[in-house]
Amino acid sequence: MIFRDYFVAIYRSFINIGKISMFEWAIAIFLSYGVFNVLKNFDFHLNSKKIKKVAIIAFWGFIFSFGIFIFSTYMPTLFGFENRNLGSVRLFFTISLLCFLLYFLGQTKFKKNGIALVFFIFSLVLIIGNLGVKNSWIYANDFNNNIFRKIKIKLDENNIEKGSVCVDFDVYKEVENNTNFILREPLFFNHWESKELAFKNGINPKNIIIHNWERQNNCDYQILIKNEKVLIK
């Protein structure tokens, strides 16, 4: 979970690198150059104890948050982004990893410019990964709204104003095969996610209850969305 996600995010972001705009490229290069400038003038020997202290604190933060995750009832999956604790696991792990790496490089005979260049490349790669994930979140939001717009149209066509609806758009297939998704971005999956999406797209969430077919398949109506076709029964 910890190591694989980094590489998956970076790999898939670079596959979709053509979707990163010129403005985003400028941000990535500007921030990476800022990291290079900071480290080029950084006194590693003078600040080694501080770096080590931050690394140790972050590492224990990682152990603590990961301990909470291990003993929780959450499954080790990204699906639905249900577990907020995964955020702290990644945050503390990344900080401790970077600090230990800085401390190690500072103890070696690497020149400052060499260390700064390594972190410039490292930062650029990670920022591109972050931008790729950000774009996938935007795509997921648009995807969800598009699903609910199709539901709205089909309900209106059939004069349906009350009842429960199970929508089947093969969510598992989408996250596995749609290259616009990088880390299983939040597609509509759980019942509690439907109210806001329904309201935003003109469906009364008090009268129409929408479920994902994978979570609930006993409804008054079933809507199947496949290859741009929308069927209801």
C-alpha atoms as a PDB file:
ATOM      1  CA  MET A   1       0.000   0.000   0.000  1.00  0.00           C
ATOM      2  CA  ILE A   2       2.777   2.438   0.933  1.00  0.00           C
ATOM      3  CA  PHE A   3       5.344   1.725  -1.758  1.00  0.00           C
ATOM      4  CA  ARG A   4       3.150   0.543  -4.640  1.00  0.00           C
ATOM      5  CA  ASP A   5       0.900   3.624  -4.681  1.00  0.00           C
ATOM      6  CA  TYR A   6       3.835   6.007  -5.161  1.00  0.00           C
ATOM      7  CA  PHE A   7       5.042   4.150  -8.245  1.00  0.00           C
ATOM      8  CA  VAL A   8       1.544   3.591  -9.650  1.00  0.00           C
ATOM      9  CA  ALA A   9       0.704   7.307  -9.289  1.00  0.00           C
ATOM     10  CA  ILE A  10       3.965   8.386 -10.940  1.00  0.00           C
ATOM     11  CA  TYR A  11       3.767   5.770 -13.717  1.00  0.00           C
ATOM     12  CA  ARG A  12       0.148   6.509 -14.638  1.00  0.00           C
ATOM     13  CA  SER A  13       0.693  10.270 -14.363  1.00  0.00           C
ATOM     14  CA  PHE A  14       3.533  10.039 -16.873  1.00  0.00           C
ATOM     15  CA  ILE A  15       1.312   7.960 -19.180  1.00  0.00           C
ATOM     16  CA  ASN A  16      -1.191  10.856 -19.038  1.00  0.00           C
ATOM     17  CA  ILE A  17       1.507  13.532 -19.174  1.00  0.00           C
ATOM     18  CA  GLY A  18      -0.071  15.025 -22.294  1.00  0.00           C
ATOM     19  CA  LYS A  19      -3.054  16.122 -20.174  1.00  0.00           C
ATOM     20  CA  ILE A  20      -0.885  18.383 -17.994  1.00  0.00           C
ATOM     21  CA  SER A  21      -1.265  21.981 -19.143  1.00  0.00           C
ATOM     22  CA  MET A  22       1.554  24.465 -19.828  1.00  0.00           C
ATOM     23  CA  PHE A  23       0.551  26.386 -16.685  1.00  0.00           C
ATOM     24  CA  GLU A  24       0.881  23.222 -14.588  1.00  0.00           C
ATOM     25  CA  TRP A  25       4.280  22.502 -16.165  1.00  0.00           C
ATOM     26  CA  ALA A  26       5.371  26.024 -15.202  1.00  0.00           C
ATOM     27  CA  ILE A  27       4.253  25.434 -11.590  1.00  0.00           C
ATOM     28  CA  ALA A  28       6.088  22.080 -11.449  1.00  0.00           C
ATOM     29  CA  ILE A  29       9.358  23.544 -12.769  1.00  0.00           C
ATOM     30  CA  PHE A  30       9.091  26.672 -10.599  1.00  0.00           C
ATOM     31  CA  LEU A  31       8.530  24.685  -7.380  1.00  0.00           C
ATOM     32  CA  SER A  32      11.278  22.184  -8.213  1.00  0.00           C
ATOM     33  CA  TYR A  33      13.693  25.026  -8.933  1.00  0.00           C
ATOM     34  CA  GLY A  34      12.739  26.508  -5.554  1.00  0.00           C
ATOM     35  CA  VAL A  35      13.711  23.217  -3.886  1.00  0.00           C
ATOM     36  CA  PHE A  36      17.006  23.277  -5.813  1.00  0.00           C
ATOM     37  CA  ASN A  37      17.759  26.849  -4.669  1.00  0.00           C
ATOM     38  CA  VAL A  38      16.977  26.117  -1.017  1.00  0.00           C
ATOM     39  CA  LEU A  39      19.165  22.994  -0.858  1.00  0.00           C
ATOM     40  CA  LYS A  40      21.984  24.613  -2.838  1.00  0.00           C
ATOM     41  CA  ASN A  41      22.485  27.074   0.028  1.00  0.00           C
ATOM     42  CA  PHE A  42      21.541  24.694   2.853  1.00  0.00           C
ATOM     43  CA  ASP A  43      24.109  23.841   5.544  1.00  0.00           C
ATOM     44  CA  PHE A  44      23.619  20.100   6.016  1.00  0.00           C
ATOM     45  CA  HIS A  45      26.183  19.715   8.783  1.00  0.00           C
ATOM     46  CA  LEU A  46      24.819  22.609  10.842  1.00  0.00           C
ATOM     47  CA  ASN A  47      21.209  21.399  10.513  1.00  0.00           C
ATOM     48  CA  SER A  48      21.806  17.633  10.584  1.00  0.00           C
ATOM     49  CA  LYS A  49      20.485  17.253  14.147  1.00  0.00           C
ATOM     50  CA  LYS A  50      17.303  19.163  13.281  1.00  0.00           C
ATOM     51  CA  ILE A  51      16.751  17.039  10.179  1.00  0.00           C
ATOM     52  CA  LYS A  52      17.286  13.857  12.192  1.00  0.00           C
ATOM     53  CA  LYS A  53      14.860  15.029  14.902  1.00  0.00           C
ATOM     54  CA  VAL A  54      12.117  15.813  12.348  1.00  0.00           C
ATOM     55  CA  ALA A  55      12.731  12.439  10.668  1.00  0.00           C
ATOM     56  CA  ILE A  56      12.356  10.563  13.973  1.00  0.00           C
ATOM     57  CA  ILE A  57       9.184  12.469  14.955  1.00  0.00           C
ATOM     58  CA  ALA A  58       7.659  11.846  11.509  1.00  0.00           C
ATOM     59  CA  PHE A  59       8.639   8.173  11.665  1.00  0.00           C
ATOM     60  CA  TRP A  60       6.882   7.722  15.020  1.00  0.00           C
ATOM     61  CA  GLY A  61       3.886   9.596  13.576  1.00  0.00           C
ATOM     62  CA  PHE A  62       3.897   7.053  10.760  1.00  0.00           C
ATOM     63  CA  ILE A  63       4.093   4.126  13.218  1.00  0.00           C
ATOM     64  CA  PHE A  64       1.224   5.559  15.290  1.00  0.00           C
ATOM     65  CA  SER A  65      -1.080   6.292  12.320  1.00  0.00           C
ATOM     66  CA  PHE A  66      -0.250   2.956  10.694  1.00  0.00           C
ATOM     67  CA  GLY A  67      -1.016   1.237  14.025  1.00  0.00           C
ATOM     68  CA  ILE A  68      -4.457   2.861  14.049  1.00  0.00           C
ATOM     69  CA  PHE A  69      -5.003   1.631  10.487  1.00  0.00           C
ATOM     70  CA  ILE A  70      -3.912  -1.948  11.285  1.00  0.00           C
ATOM     71  CA  PHE A  71      -6.339  -2.275  14.214  1.00  0.00           C
ATOM     72  CA  SER A  72      -9.232  -0.512  12.461  1.00  0.00           C
ATOM     73  CA  THR A  73     -11.971  -2.312  10.534  1.00  0.00           C
ATOM     74  CA  TYR A  74     -10.950  -0.703   7.230  1.00  0.00           C
ATOM     75  CA  MET A  75      -9.735  -2.943   4.433  1.00  0.00           C
ATOM     76  CA  PRO A  76      -6.327  -2.062   2.920  1.00  0.00           C
ATOM     77  CA  THR A  77      -7.788  -0.527  -0.225  1.00  0.00           C
ATOM     78  CA  LEU A  78      -8.085   2.907  -1.776  1.00  0.00           C
ATOM     79  CA  PHE A  79     -11.574   2.228  -3.101  1.00  0.00           C
ATOM     80  CA  GLY A  80     -13.987   5.005  -2.214  1.00  0.00           C
ATOM     81  CA  PHE A  81     -11.347   6.918  -0.188  1.00  0.00           C
ATOM     82  CA  GLU A  82     -13.244   5.961   2.958  1.00  0.00           C
ATOM     83  CA  ASN A  83     -10.257   5.896   5.302  1.00  0.00           C
ATOM     84  CA  ARG A  84      -8.892   9.349   6.204  1.00  0.00           C
ATOM     85  CA  ASN A  85      -6.172   7.723   8.266  1.00  0.00           C
ATOM     86  CA  LEU A  86      -4.418   6.691   5.041  1.00  0.00           C
ATOM     87  CA  GLY A  87      -3.667  10.375   4.491  1.00  0.00           C
ATOM     88  CA  SER A  88      -1.661  10.634   7.714  1.00  0.00           C
ATOM     89  CA  VAL A  89       0.076   7.316   6.960  1.00  0.00           C
ATOM     90  CA  ARG A  90       1.317   8.671   3.641  1.00  0.00           C
ATOM     91  CA  LEU A  91       2.141  12.138   5.016  1.00  0.00           C
ATOM     92  CA  PHE A  92       4.305  10.939   7.925  1.00  0.00           C
ATOM     93  CA  PHE A  93       5.946   8.213   5.838  1.00  0.00           C
ATOM     94  CA  THR A  94       6.895  10.696   3.095  1.00  0.00           C
ATOM     95  CA  ILE A  95       8.276  13.286   5.543  1.00  0.00           C
ATOM     96  CA  SER A  96      10.355  10.707   7.423  1.00  0.00           C
ATOM     97  CA  LEU A  97      11.652   9.206   4.158  1.00  0.00           C
ATOM     98  CA  LEU A  98      12.704  12.599   2.765  1.00  0.00           C
ATOM     99  CA  CYS A  99      14.332  13.673   6.040  1.00  0.00           C
ATOM    100  CA  PHE A 100      16.286  10.430   6.402  1.00  0.00           C
ATOM    101  CA  LEU A 101      17.417  10.783   2.781  1.00  0.00           C
ATOM    102  CA  LEU A 102      18.515  14.389   3.391  1.00  0.00           C
ATOM    103  CA  TYR A 103      20.347  13.352   6.547  1.00  0.00           C
ATOM    104  CA  PHE A 104      22.101  10.462   4.785  1.00  0.00           C
ATOM    105  CA  LEU A 105      23.177  12.581   1.801  1.00  0.00           C
ATOM    106  CA  GLY A 106      24.373  15.305   4.169  1.00  0.00           C
ATOM    107  CA  GLN A 107      26.686  12.801   5.892  1.00  0.00           C
ATOM    108  CA  THR A 108      28.257  11.686   2.621  1.00  0.00           C
ATOM    109  CA  LYS A 109      30.761  13.524   0.425  1.00  0.00           C
ATOM    110  CA  PHE A 110      28.100  14.620  -2.029  1.00  0.00           C
ATOM    111  CA  LYS A 111      28.412  18.265  -3.041  1.00  0.00           C
ATOM    112  CA  LYS A 112      25.513  20.593  -2.304  1.00  0.00           C
ATOM    113  CA  ASN A 113      24.773  21.140  -5.977  1.00  0.00           C
ATOM    114  CA  GLY A 114      24.632  17.367  -6.527  1.00  0.00           C
ATOM    115  CA  ILE A 115      22.179  16.885  -3.647  1.00  0.00           C
ATOM    116  CA  ALA A 116      20.114  19.863  -4.829  1.00  0.00           C
ATOM    117  CA  LEU A 117      19.990  18.423  -8.363  1.00  0.00           C
ATOM    118  CA  VAL A 118      18.836  15.015  -7.056  1.00  0.00           C
ATOM    119  CA  PHE A 119      15.999  16.670  -5.126  1.00  0.00           C
ATOM    120  CA  PHE A 120      15.152  18.918  -8.095  1.00  0.00           C
ATOM    121  CA  ILE A 121      14.524  15.806 -10.224  1.00  0.00           C
ATOM    122  CA  PHE A 122      12.803  14.047  -7.318  1.00  0.00           C
ATOM    123  CA  SER A 123      10.507  17.041  -6.730  1.00  0.00           C
ATOM    124  CA  LEU A 124       9.673  17.429 -10.426  1.00  0.00           C
ATOM    125  CA  VAL A 125       8.686  13.756 -10.728  1.00  0.00           C
ATOM    126  CA  LEU A 126       6.517  13.859  -7.580  1.00  0.00           C
ATOM    127  CA  ILE A 127       4.827  17.140  -8.542  1.00  0.00           C
ATOM    128  CA  ILE A 128       3.949  15.724 -11.974  1.00  0.00           C
ATOM    129  CA  GLY A 129       2.524  12.711 -10.119  1.00  0.00           C
ATOM    130  CA  ASN A 130       0.473  15.019  -7.889  1.00  0.00           C
ATOM    131  CA  LEU A 131      -0.800  16.983 -10.889  1.00  0.00           C
ATOM    132  CA  GLY A 132      -1.812  13.723 -12.568  1.00  0.00           C
ATOM    133  CA  VAL A 133      -3.783  12.652  -9.487  1.00  0.00           C
ATOM    134  CA  LYS A 134      -5.342  16.123  -9.250  1.00  0.00           C
ATOM    135  CA  ASN A 135      -6.519  15.911 -12.869  1.00  0.00           C
ATOM    136  CA  SER A 136      -7.944  12.452 -12.170  1.00  0.00           C
ATOM    137  CA  TRP A 137      -9.975  13.832  -9.268  1.00  0.00           C
ATOM    138  CA  ILE A 138     -11.402  16.495 -11.592  1.00  0.00           C
ATOM    139  CA  TYR A 139     -12.189  13.813 -14.183  1.00  0.00           C
ATOM    140  CA  ALA A 140     -13.875  11.656 -11.494  1.00  0.00           C
ATOM    141  CA  ASN A 141     -16.043  14.604 -10.436  1.00  0.00           C
ATOM    142  CA  ASP A 142     -17.123  15.197 -14.042  1.00  0.00           C
ATOM    143  CA  PHE A 143     -17.676  11.451 -14.527  1.00  0.00           C
ATOM    144  CA  ASN A 144     -19.976  11.256 -11.463  1.00  0.00           C
ATOM    145  CA  ASN A 145     -22.000  14.280 -12.562  1.00  0.00           C
ATOM    146  CA  ASN A 146     -22.341  12.816 -16.052  1.00  0.00           C
ATOM    147  CA  ILE A 147     -23.698   9.547 -14.564  1.00  0.00           C
ATOM    148  CA  PHE A 148     -26.317  11.408 -12.531  1.00  0.00           C
ATOM    149  CA  ARG A 149     -27.307  13.594 -15.486  1.00  0.00           C
ATOM    150  CA  LYS A 150     -28.022  10.420 -17.459  1.00  0.00           C
ATOM    151  CA  ILE A 151     -30.060   9.078 -14.542  1.00  0.00           C
ATOM    152  CA  LYS A 152     -32.036  12.342 -14.416  1.00  0.00           C
ATOM    153  CA  ILE A 153     -32.818  12.169 -18.149  1.00  0.00           C
ATOM    154  CA  LYS A 154     -33.984   8.537 -17.918  1.00  0.00           C
ATOM    155  CA  LEU A 155     -36.149   9.251 -14.859  1.00  0.00           C
ATOM    156  CA  ASP A 156     -37.803  12.208 -16.610  1.00  0.00           C
ATOM    157  CA  GLU A 157     -38.414  10.172 -19.769  1.00  0.00           C
ATOM    158  CA  ASN A 158     -40.252   7.539 -17.721  1.00  0.00           C
ATOM    159  CA  ASN A 159     -42.041  10.017 -15.391  1.00  0.00           C
ATOM    160  CA  ILE A 160     -40.473   8.467 -12.299  1.00  0.00           C
ATOM    161  CA  GLU A 161     -40.694  10.797  -9.294  1.00  0.00           C
ATOM    162  CA  LYS A 162     -40.346   8.378  -6.361  1.00  0.00           C
ATOM    163  CA  GLY A 163     -38.568   5.164  -5.516  1.00  0.00           C
ATOM    164  CA  SER A 164     -35.139   3.611  -5.234  1.00  0.00           C
ATOM    165  CA  VAL A 165     -32.779   3.327  -8.186  1.00  0.00           C
ATOM    166  CA  CYS A 166     -29.797   0.984  -8.586  1.00  0.00           C
ATOM    167  CA  VAL A 167     -27.354   2.326 -11.171  1.00  0.00           C
ATOM    168  CA  ASP A 168     -24.924  -0.089 -12.785  1.00  0.00           C
ATOM    169  CA  PHE A 169     -22.000   1.458 -14.675  1.00  0.00           C
ATOM    170  CA  ASP A 170     -19.454  -1.285 -13.861  1.00  0.00           C
ATOM    171  CA  VAL A 171     -17.417   0.808 -11.440  1.00  0.00           C
ATOM    172  CA  TYR A 172     -14.695  -1.833 -11.048  1.00  0.00           C
ATOM    173  CA  LYS A 173     -14.119  -2.034 -14.793  1.00  0.00           C
ATOM    174  CA  GLU A 174     -13.926   1.759 -15.028  1.00  0.00           C
ATOM    175  CA  VAL A 175     -11.213   2.174 -12.402  1.00  0.00           C
ATOM    176  CA  GLU A 176      -9.183  -0.705 -13.820  1.00  0.00           C
ATOM    177  CA  ASN A 177      -9.403   0.115 -17.533  1.00  0.00           C
ATOM    178  CA  ASN A 178     -10.068   3.852 -17.795  1.00  0.00           C
ATOM    179  CA  THR A 179      -6.636   5.480 -18.114  1.00  0.00           C
ATOM    180  CA  ASN A 180      -7.995   8.771 -16.756  1.00  0.00           C
ATOM    181  CA  PHE A 181      -8.072   7.202 -13.276  1.00  0.00           C
ATOM    182  CA  ILE A 182      -4.768   6.856 -11.436  1.00  0.00           C
ATOM    183  CA  LEU A 183      -5.420   5.788  -7.815  1.00  0.00           C
ATOM    184  CA  ARG A 184      -9.065   4.732  -7.833  1.00  0.00           C
ATOM    185  CA  GLU A 185     -10.380   8.264  -7.609  1.00  0.00           C
ATOM    186  CA  PRO A 186     -13.761   8.680  -5.871  1.00  0.00           C
ATOM    187  CA  LEU A 187     -16.322   7.400  -8.327  1.00  0.00           C
ATOM    188  CA  PHE A 188     -19.873   7.088  -7.020  1.00  0.00           C
ATOM    189  CA  PHE A 189     -19.852   3.954  -4.876  1.00  0.00           C
ATOM    190  CA  ASN A 190     -21.538   4.425  -1.483  1.00  0.00           C
ATOM    191  CA  HIS A 191     -25.126   5.399  -0.717  1.00  0.00           C
ATOM    192  CA  TRP A 192     -24.168   8.450   1.340  1.00  0.00           C
ATOM    193  CA  GLU A 193     -22.375   9.916  -1.702  1.00  0.00           C
ATOM    194  CA  SER A 194     -25.543   9.987  -3.808  1.00  0.00           C
ATOM    195  CA  LYS A 195     -27.479  12.796  -2.076  1.00  0.00           C
ATOM    196  CA  GLU A 196     -25.215  15.674  -3.099  1.00  0.00           C
ATOM    197  CA  LEU A 197     -24.707  14.291  -6.621  1.00  0.00           C
ATOM    198  CA  ALA A 198     -28.474  13.871  -7.032  1.00  0.00           C
ATOM    199  CA  PHE A 199     -29.217  17.386  -5.747  1.00  0.00           C
ATOM    200  CA  LYS A 200     -26.532  18.943  -7.994  1.00  0.00           C
ATOM    201  CA  ASN A 201     -28.043  17.302 -11.063  1.00  0.00           C
ATOM    202  CA  GLY A 202     -31.705  18.125 -10.453  1.00  0.00           C
ATOM    203  CA  ILE A 203     -32.847  14.930  -8.716  1.00  0.00           C
ATOM    204  CA  ASN A 204     -34.774  15.223  -5.449  1.00  0.00           C
ATOM    205  CA  PRO A 205     -32.759  13.062  -2.997  1.00  0.00           C
ATOM    206  CA  LYS A 206     -35.752  12.841  -0.641  1.00  0.00           C
ATOM    207  CA  ASN A 207     -37.947  11.149  -3.233  1.00  0.00           C
ATOM    208  CA  ILE A 208     -35.364   9.308  -5.349  1.00  0.00           C
ATOM    209  CA  ILE A 209     -32.805   7.162  -3.514  1.00  0.00           C
ATOM    210  CA  ILE A 210     -29.877   6.149  -5.716  1.00  0.00           C
ATOM    211  CA  HIS A 211     -27.570   3.225  -5.000  1.00  0.00           C
ATOM    212  CA  ASN A 212     -24.572   1.795  -6.786  1.00  0.00           C
ATOM    213  CA  TRP A 213     -25.473  -1.675  -8.102  1.00  0.00           C
ATOM    214  CA  GLU A 214     -22.328  -3.125  -6.526  1.00  0.00           C
ATOM    215  CA  ARG A 215     -23.509  -2.021  -3.072  1.00  0.00           C
ATOM    216  CA  GLN A 216     -27.260  -2.533  -3.389  1.00  0.00           C
ATOM    217  CA  ASN A 217     -29.141  -4.422  -6.122  1.00  0.00           C
ATOM    218  CA  ASN A 218     -32.626  -4.636  -4.643  1.00  0.00           C
ATOM    219  CA  CYS A 219     -34.308  -1.476  -5.960  1.00  0.00           C
ATOM    220  CA  ASP A 220     -37.551  -0.401  -7.615  1.00  0.00           C
ATOM    221  CA  TYR A 221     -35.655   0.449 -10.805  1.00  0.00           C
ATOM    222  CA  GLN A 222     -32.351  -0.571 -12.341  1.00  0.00           C
ATOM    223  CA  ILE A 223     -30.468   1.751 -14.692  1.00  0.00           C
ATOM    224  CA  LEU A 224     -27.677   0.203 -16.756  1.00  0.00           C
ATOM    225  CA  ILE A 225     -25.131   2.575 -18.298  1.00  0.00           C
ATOM    226  CA  LYS A 226     -22.795   0.922 -20.784  1.00  0.00           C
ATOM    227  CA  ASN A 227     -20.979   2.263 -23.861  1.00  0.00           C
ATOM    228  CA  GLU A 228     -23.000   5.510 -23.775  1.00  0.00           C
ATOM    229  CA  LYS A 229     -26.252   3.494 -23.787  1.00  0.00           C
ATOM    230  CA  VAL A 230     -28.688   3.961 -20.880  1.00  0.00           C
ATOM    231  CA  LEU A 231     -31.289   1.271 -20.193  1.00  0.00           C
ATOM    232  CA  ILE A 232     -33.909   1.145 -17.419  1.00  0.00           C
ATOM    233  CA  LYS A 233     -36.061  -1.644 -16.066  1.00  0.00           C
END
